[in-house]
C-alpha cells in the first residue's frame, strides 16, 4: 500500500481533491494497483511556520 506524503502551504479543498485524484491515478497507472490501496496525506504548513533562503515564507 503506497502512502504519499505532500507538504505544502494551505490550499483550498477543490485543489486538494484534484491533487489527490491525480496522485492516486499516477500510482494506479505506474504500479497497476487498485486505487483503494493508495493513501495520500497532505500536511499543510502555515506560511509563518516555514522558511526558505533565510526568510519566513510569510514575509515574502
PDB file of N, CA and C in Angstrom:
ATOM      1  N   UNK A   1       0.847  -1.165   0.000  1.00  0.00           N
ATOM      2  CA  UNK A   1       0.000   0.000   0.000  1.00  0.00           C
ATOM      3  C   UNK A   1       0.899   1.236   0.000  1.00  0.00           C
ATOM      4  N   UNK A   2       0.940   1.987  -1.091  1.00  0.00           N
ATOM      5  CA  UNK A   2       1.719   3.216  -1.114  1.00  0.00           C
ATOM      6  C   UNK A   2       1.068   4.296  -0.248  1.00  0.00           C
ATOM      7  N   UNK A   3       1.918   5.019   0.455  1.00  0.00           N
ATOM      8  CA  UNK A   3       1.485   6.190   1.206  1.00  0.00           C
ATOM      9  C   UNK A   3       2.311   7.365   0.695  1.00  0.00           C
ATOM     10  N   UNK A   4       1.643   8.355   0.154  1.00  0.00           N
ATOM     11  CA  UNK A   4       2.298   9.528  -0.402  1.00  0.00           C
ATOM     12  C   UNK A   4       2.083  10.682   0.560  1.00  0.00           C
ATOM     13  N   UNK A   5       3.151  11.348   0.960  1.00  0.00           N
ATOM     14  CA  UNK A   5       3.047  12.490   1.854  1.00  0.00           C
ATOM     15  C   UNK A   5       3.414  13.754   1.087  1.00  0.00           C
ATOM     16  N   UNK A   6       2.537  14.742   1.157  1.00  0.00           N
ATOM     17  CA  UNK A   6       2.754  16.015   0.487  1.00  0.00           C
ATOM     18  C   UNK A   6       2.774  17.100   1.554  1.00  0.00           C
ATOM     19  N   UNK A   7       3.839  17.881   1.583  1.00  0.00           N
ATOM     20  CA  UNK A   7       3.922  19.007   2.498  1.00  0.00           C
ATOM     21  C   UNK A   7       3.812  20.273   1.667  1.00  0.00           C
ATOM     22  N   UNK A   8       2.919  21.149   2.081  1.00  0.00           N
ATOM     23  CA  UNK A   8       2.669  22.359   1.304  1.00  0.00           C
ATOM     24  C   UNK A   8       2.023  23.401   2.178  1.00  0.00           C
ATOM     25  N   UNK A   9       1.923  24.600   1.632  1.00  0.00           N
ATOM     26  CA  UNK A   9       1.148  25.644   2.273  1.00  0.00           C
ATOM     27  C   UNK A   9      -0.329  25.370   2.061  1.00  0.00           C
ATOM     28  N   UNK A  10      -1.181  26.069   2.775  1.00  0.00           N
ATOM     29  CA  UNK A  10      -2.625  25.846   2.664  1.00  0.00           C
ATOM     30  C   UNK A  10      -3.148  26.069   1.241  1.00  0.00           C
ATOM     31  N   UNK A  11      -4.040  25.197   0.818  1.00  0.00           N
ATOM     32  CA  UNK A  11      -4.736  25.298  -0.466  1.00  0.00           C
ATOM     33  C   UNK A  11      -6.215  25.011  -0.208  1.00  0.00           C
ATOM     34  N   UNK A  12      -7.074  25.407  -1.142  1.00  0.00           N
ATOM     35  CA  UNK A  12      -8.495  25.134  -0.929  1.00  0.00           C
ATOM     36  C   UNK A  12      -8.807  23.659  -1.228  1.00  0.00           C
ATOM     37  N   UNK A  13      -9.943  23.217  -0.721  1.00  0.00           N
ATOM     38  CA  UNK A  13     -10.314  21.800  -0.790  1.00  0.00           C
ATOM     39  C   UNK A  13     -10.424  21.300  -2.222  1.00  0.00           C
ATOM     40  N   UNK A  14     -10.914  22.118  -3.135  1.00  0.00           N
ATOM     41  CA  UNK A  14     -11.065  21.666  -4.525  1.00  0.00           C
ATOM     42  C   UNK A  14      -9.710  21.355  -5.155  1.00  0.00           C
ATOM     43  N   UNK A  15      -8.723  22.185  -4.906  1.00  0.00           N
ATOM     44  CA  UNK A  15      -7.376  21.911  -5.427  1.00  0.00           C
ATOM     45  C   UNK A  15      -6.797  20.635  -4.826  1.00  0.00           C
ATOM     46  N   UNK A  16      -7.034  20.433  -3.533  1.00  0.00           N
ATOM     47  CA  UNK A  16      -6.534  19.215  -2.883  1.00  0.00           C
ATOM     48  C   UNK A  16      -7.242  17.978  -3.418  1.00  0.00           C
ATOM     49  N   UNK A  17      -8.531  18.060  -3.692  1.00  0.00           N
ATOM     50  CA  UNK A  17      -9.253  16.923  -4.292  1.00  0.00           C
ATOM     51  C   UNK A  17      -8.617  16.523  -5.619  1.00  0.00           C
ATOM     52  N   UNK A  18      -8.332  17.527  -6.447  1.00  0.00           N
ATOM     53  CA  UNK A  18      -7.726  17.258  -7.752  1.00  0.00           C
ATOM     54  C   UNK A  18      -6.328  16.661  -7.599  1.00  0.00           C
ATOM     55  N   UNK A  19      -5.555  17.191  -6.677  1.00  0.00           N
ATOM     56  CA  UNK A  19      -4.213  16.662  -6.437  1.00  0.00           C
ATOM     57  C   UNK A  19      -4.264  15.202  -6.004  1.00  0.00           C
ATOM     58  N   UNK A  20      -5.130  14.893  -5.035  1.00  0.00           N
ATOM     59  CA  UNK A  20      -5.256  13.516  -4.543  1.00  0.00           C
ATOM     60  C   UNK A  20      -5.672  12.583  -5.675  1.00  0.00           C
ATOM     61  N   UNK A  21      -6.592  13.011  -6.507  1.00  0.00           N
ATOM     62  CA  UNK A  21      -7.029  12.187  -7.640  1.00  0.00           C
ATOM     63  C   UNK A  21      -5.872  11.913  -8.593  1.00  0.00           C
ATOM     64  N   UNK A  22      -5.129  12.954  -8.941  1.00  0.00           N
ATOM     65  CA  UNK A  22      -4.028  12.788  -9.901  1.00  0.00           C
ATOM     66  C   UNK A  22      -2.895  11.937  -9.351  1.00  0.00           C
ATOM     67  N   UNK A  23      -2.557  12.144  -8.075  1.00  0.00           N
ATOM     68  CA  UNK A  23      -1.506  11.332  -7.456  1.00  0.00           C
ATOM     69  C   UNK A  23      -1.941   9.872  -7.406  1.00  0.00           C
ATOM     70  N   UNK A  24      -3.178   9.631  -7.007  1.00  0.00           N
ATOM     71  CA  UNK A  24      -3.699   8.258  -6.962  1.00  0.00           C
ATOM     72  C   UNK A  24      -3.667   7.630  -8.347  1.00  0.00           C
ATOM     73  N   UNK A  25      -4.150   8.347  -9.348  1.00  0.00           N
ATOM     74  CA  UNK A  25      -4.149   7.829 -10.715  1.00  0.00           C
ATOM     75  C   UNK A  25      -2.740   7.484 -11.185  1.00  0.00           C
ATOM     76  N   UNK A  26      -1.756   8.301 -10.813  1.00  0.00           N
ATOM     77  CA  UNK A  26      -0.374   8.035 -11.215  1.00  0.00           C
ATOM     78  C   UNK A  26       0.121   6.713 -10.634  1.00  0.00           C
ATOM     79  N   UNK A  27      -0.200   6.446  -9.375  1.00  0.00           N
ATOM     80  CA  UNK A  27       0.212   5.186  -8.761  1.00  0.00           C
ATOM     81  C   UNK A  27      -0.531   3.998  -9.366  1.00  0.00           C
ATOM     82  N   UNK A  28      -1.808   4.179  -9.625  1.00  0.00           N
ATOM     83  CA  UNK A  28      -2.595   3.112 -10.257  1.00  0.00           C
ATOM     84  C   UNK A  28      -1.983   2.758 -11.613  1.00  0.00           C
ATOM     85  N   UNK A  29      -1.650   3.764 -12.402  1.00  0.00           N
ATOM     86  CA  UNK A  29      -1.065   3.538 -13.723  1.00  0.00           C
ATOM     87  C   UNK A  29       0.331   2.926 -13.643  1.00  0.00           C
ATOM     88  N   UNK A  30       1.171   3.455 -12.763  1.00  0.00           N
ATOM     89  CA  UNK A  30       2.561   3.016 -12.696  1.00  0.00           C
ATOM     90  C   UNK A  30       2.713   1.640 -12.058  1.00  0.00           C
ATOM     91  N   UNK A  31       1.963   1.371 -11.009  1.00  0.00           N
ATOM     92  CA  UNK A  31       2.128   0.127 -10.252  1.00  0.00           C
ATOM     93  C   UNK A  31       1.071  -0.926 -10.552  1.00  0.00           C
ATOM     94  N   UNK A  32       0.063  -0.536 -11.343  1.00  0.00           N
ATOM     95  CA  UNK A  32      -1.024  -1.478 -11.670  1.00  0.00           C
ATOM     96  C   UNK A  32      -1.672  -2.027 -10.398  1.00  0.00           C
ATOM     97  N   UNK A  33      -2.052  -1.106  -9.528  1.00  0.00           N
ATOM     98  CA  UNK A  33      -2.674  -1.475  -8.252  1.00  0.00           C
ATOM     99  C   UNK A  33      -4.040  -0.796  -8.159  1.00  0.00           C
ATOM    100  N   UNK A  34      -4.920  -1.322  -7.303  1.00  0.00           N
ATOM    101  CA  UNK A  34      -6.227  -0.681  -7.127  1.00  0.00           C
ATOM    102  C   UNK A  34      -6.095   0.671  -6.432  1.00  0.00           C
ATOM    103  N   UNK A  35      -6.928   1.605  -6.820  1.00  0.00           N
ATOM    104  CA  UNK A  35      -6.919   2.941  -6.223  1.00  0.00           C
ATOM    105  C   UNK A  35      -7.136   2.871  -4.705  1.00  0.00           C
ATOM    106  N   UNK A  36      -7.882   1.901  -4.263  1.00  0.00           N
ATOM    107  CA  UNK A  36      -8.187   1.771  -2.834  1.00  0.00           C
ATOM    108  C   UNK A  36      -6.940   1.518  -1.996  1.00  0.00           C
ATOM    109  N   UNK A  37      -5.844   1.106  -2.615  1.00  0.00           N
ATOM    110  CA  UNK A  37      -4.629   0.820  -1.851  1.00  0.00           C
ATOM    111  C   UNK A  37      -3.706   2.028  -1.722  1.00  0.00           C
ATOM    112  N   UNK A  38      -4.034   3.125  -2.382  1.00  0.00           N
ATOM    113  CA  UNK A  38      -3.188   4.319  -2.373  1.00  0.00           C
ATOM    114  C   UNK A  38      -3.714   5.314  -1.332  1.00  0.00           C
ATOM    115  N   UNK A  39      -2.825   5.754  -0.453  1.00  0.00           N
ATOM    116  CA  UNK A  39      -3.181   6.778   0.529  1.00  0.00           C
ATOM    117  C   UNK A  39      -2.355   8.025   0.247  1.00  0.00           C
ATOM    118  N   UNK A  40      -2.989   9.179   0.325  1.00  0.00           N
ATOM    119  CA  UNK A  40      -2.304  10.449   0.140  1.00  0.00           C
ATOM    120  C   UNK A  40      -2.539  11.293   1.386  1.00  0.00           C
ATOM    121  N   UNK A  41      -1.456  11.681   2.012  1.00  0.00           N
ATOM    122  CA  UNK A  41      -1.540  12.511   3.216  1.00  0.00           C
ATOM    123  C   UNK A  41      -1.046  13.902   2.857  1.00  0.00           C
ATOM    124  N   UNK A  42      -1.845  14.901   3.139  1.00  0.00           N
ATOM    125  CA  UNK A  42      -1.457  16.284   2.884  1.00  0.00           C
ATOM    126  C   UNK A  42      -1.229  16.978   4.224  1.00  0.00           C
ATOM    127  N   UNK A  43      -0.009  17.432   4.420  1.00  0.00           N
ATOM    128  CA  UNK A  43       0.345  18.186   5.624  1.00  0.00           C
ATOM    129  C   UNK A  43       0.479  19.645   5.219  1.00  0.00           C
ATOM    130  N   UNK A  44      -0.425  20.467   5.706  1.00  0.00           N
ATOM    131  CA  UNK A  44      -0.378  21.890   5.388  1.00  0.00           C
ATOM    132  C   UNK A  44       0.376  22.646   6.478  1.00  0.00           C
ATOM    133  N   UNK A  45       1.339  23.418   6.034  1.00  0.00           N
ATOM    134  CA  UNK A  45       2.172  24.182   6.947  1.00  0.00           C
ATOM    135  C   UNK A  45       1.880  25.665   6.726  1.00  0.00           C
ATOM    136  N   UNK A  46       1.512  26.387   7.780  1.00  0.00           N
ATOM    137  CA  UNK A  46       1.252  27.818   7.621  1.00  0.00           C
ATOM    138  C   UNK A  46       2.511  28.557   7.163  1.00  0.00           C
ATOM    139  N   UNK A  47       2.320  29.620   6.406  1.00  0.00           N
ATOM    140  CA  UNK A  47       3.438  30.382   5.857  1.00  0.00           C
ATOM    141  C   UNK A  47       4.355  30.955   6.941  1.00  0.00           C
ATOM    142  N   UNK A  48       3.839  31.133   8.165  1.00  0.00           N
ATOM    143  CA  UNK A  48       4.694  31.650   9.238  1.00  0.00           C
ATOM    144  C   UNK A  48       5.407  30.538  10.003  1.00  0.00           C
ATOM    145  N   UNK A  49       5.299  29.304   9.491  1.00  0.00           N
ATOM    146  CA  UNK A  49       5.949  28.170  10.151  1.00  0.00           C
ATOM    147  C   UNK A  49       6.976  27.483   9.254  1.00  0.00           C
ATOM    148  N   UNK A  50       7.384  28.129   8.174  1.00  0.00           N
ATOM    149  CA  UNK A  50       8.460  27.597   7.350  1.00  0.00           C
ATOM    150  C   UNK A  50       9.192  28.737   6.686  1.00  0.00           C
ATOM    151  N   UNK A  51      10.384  28.438   6.238  1.00  0.00           N
ATOM    152  CA  UNK A  51      11.176  29.481   5.614  1.00  0.00           C
ATOM    153  C   UNK A  51      12.028  28.923   4.489  1.00  0.00           C
ATOM    154  N   UNK A  52      12.536  29.832   3.680  1.00  0.00           N
ATOM    155  CA  UNK A  52      13.449  29.493   2.599  1.00  0.00           C
ATOM    156  C   UNK A  52      14.382  30.675   2.391  1.00  0.00           C
ATOM    157  N   UNK A  53      15.607  30.379   2.074  1.00  0.00           N
ATOM    158  CA  UNK A  53      16.607  31.412   1.806  1.00  0.00           C
ATOM    159  C   UNK A  53      16.740  32.399   2.963  1.00  0.00           C
ATOM    160  N   UNK A  54      16.611  31.900   4.188  1.00  0.00           N
ATOM    161  CA  UNK A  54      16.805  32.729   5.363  1.00  0.00           C
ATOM    162  C   UNK A  54      15.631  33.601   5.757  1.00  0.00           C
ATOM    163  N   UNK A  55      14.475  33.428   5.106  1.00  0.00           N
ATOM    164  CA  UNK A  55      13.315  34.248   5.434  1.00  0.00           C
ATOM    165  C   UNK A  55      12.078  33.375   5.597  1.00  0.00           C
ATOM    166  N   UNK A  56      11.175  33.815   6.473  1.00  0.00           N
ATOM    167  CA  UNK A  56       9.882  33.144   6.584  1.00  0.00           C
ATOM    168  C   UNK A  56       9.125  33.329   5.282  1.00  0.00           C
ATOM    169  N   UNK A  57       8.430  32.291   4.877  1.00  0.00           N
ATOM    170  CA  UNK A  57       7.621  32.372   3.662  1.00  0.00           C
ATOM    171  C   UNK A  57       6.574  33.471   3.792  1.00  0.00           C
ATOM    172  N   UNK A  58       6.066  33.690   4.986  1.00  0.00           N
ATOM    173  CA  UNK A  58       5.046  34.722   5.225  1.00  0.00           C
ATOM    174  C   UNK A  58       5.591  36.124   4.951  1.00  0.00           C
ATOM    175  N   UNK A  59       6.899  36.293   5.017  1.00  0.00           N
ATOM    176  CA  UNK A  59       7.498  37.613   4.819  1.00  0.00           C
ATOM    177  C   UNK A  59       7.817  37.914   3.362  1.00  0.00           C
ATOM    178  N   UNK A  60       7.576  36.995   2.476  1.00  0.00           N
ATOM    179  CA  UNK A  60       7.900  37.225   1.062  1.00  0.00           C
ATOM    180  C   UNK A  60       6.775  37.898   0.342  1.00  0.00           C
TER     181      UNK A  60
END
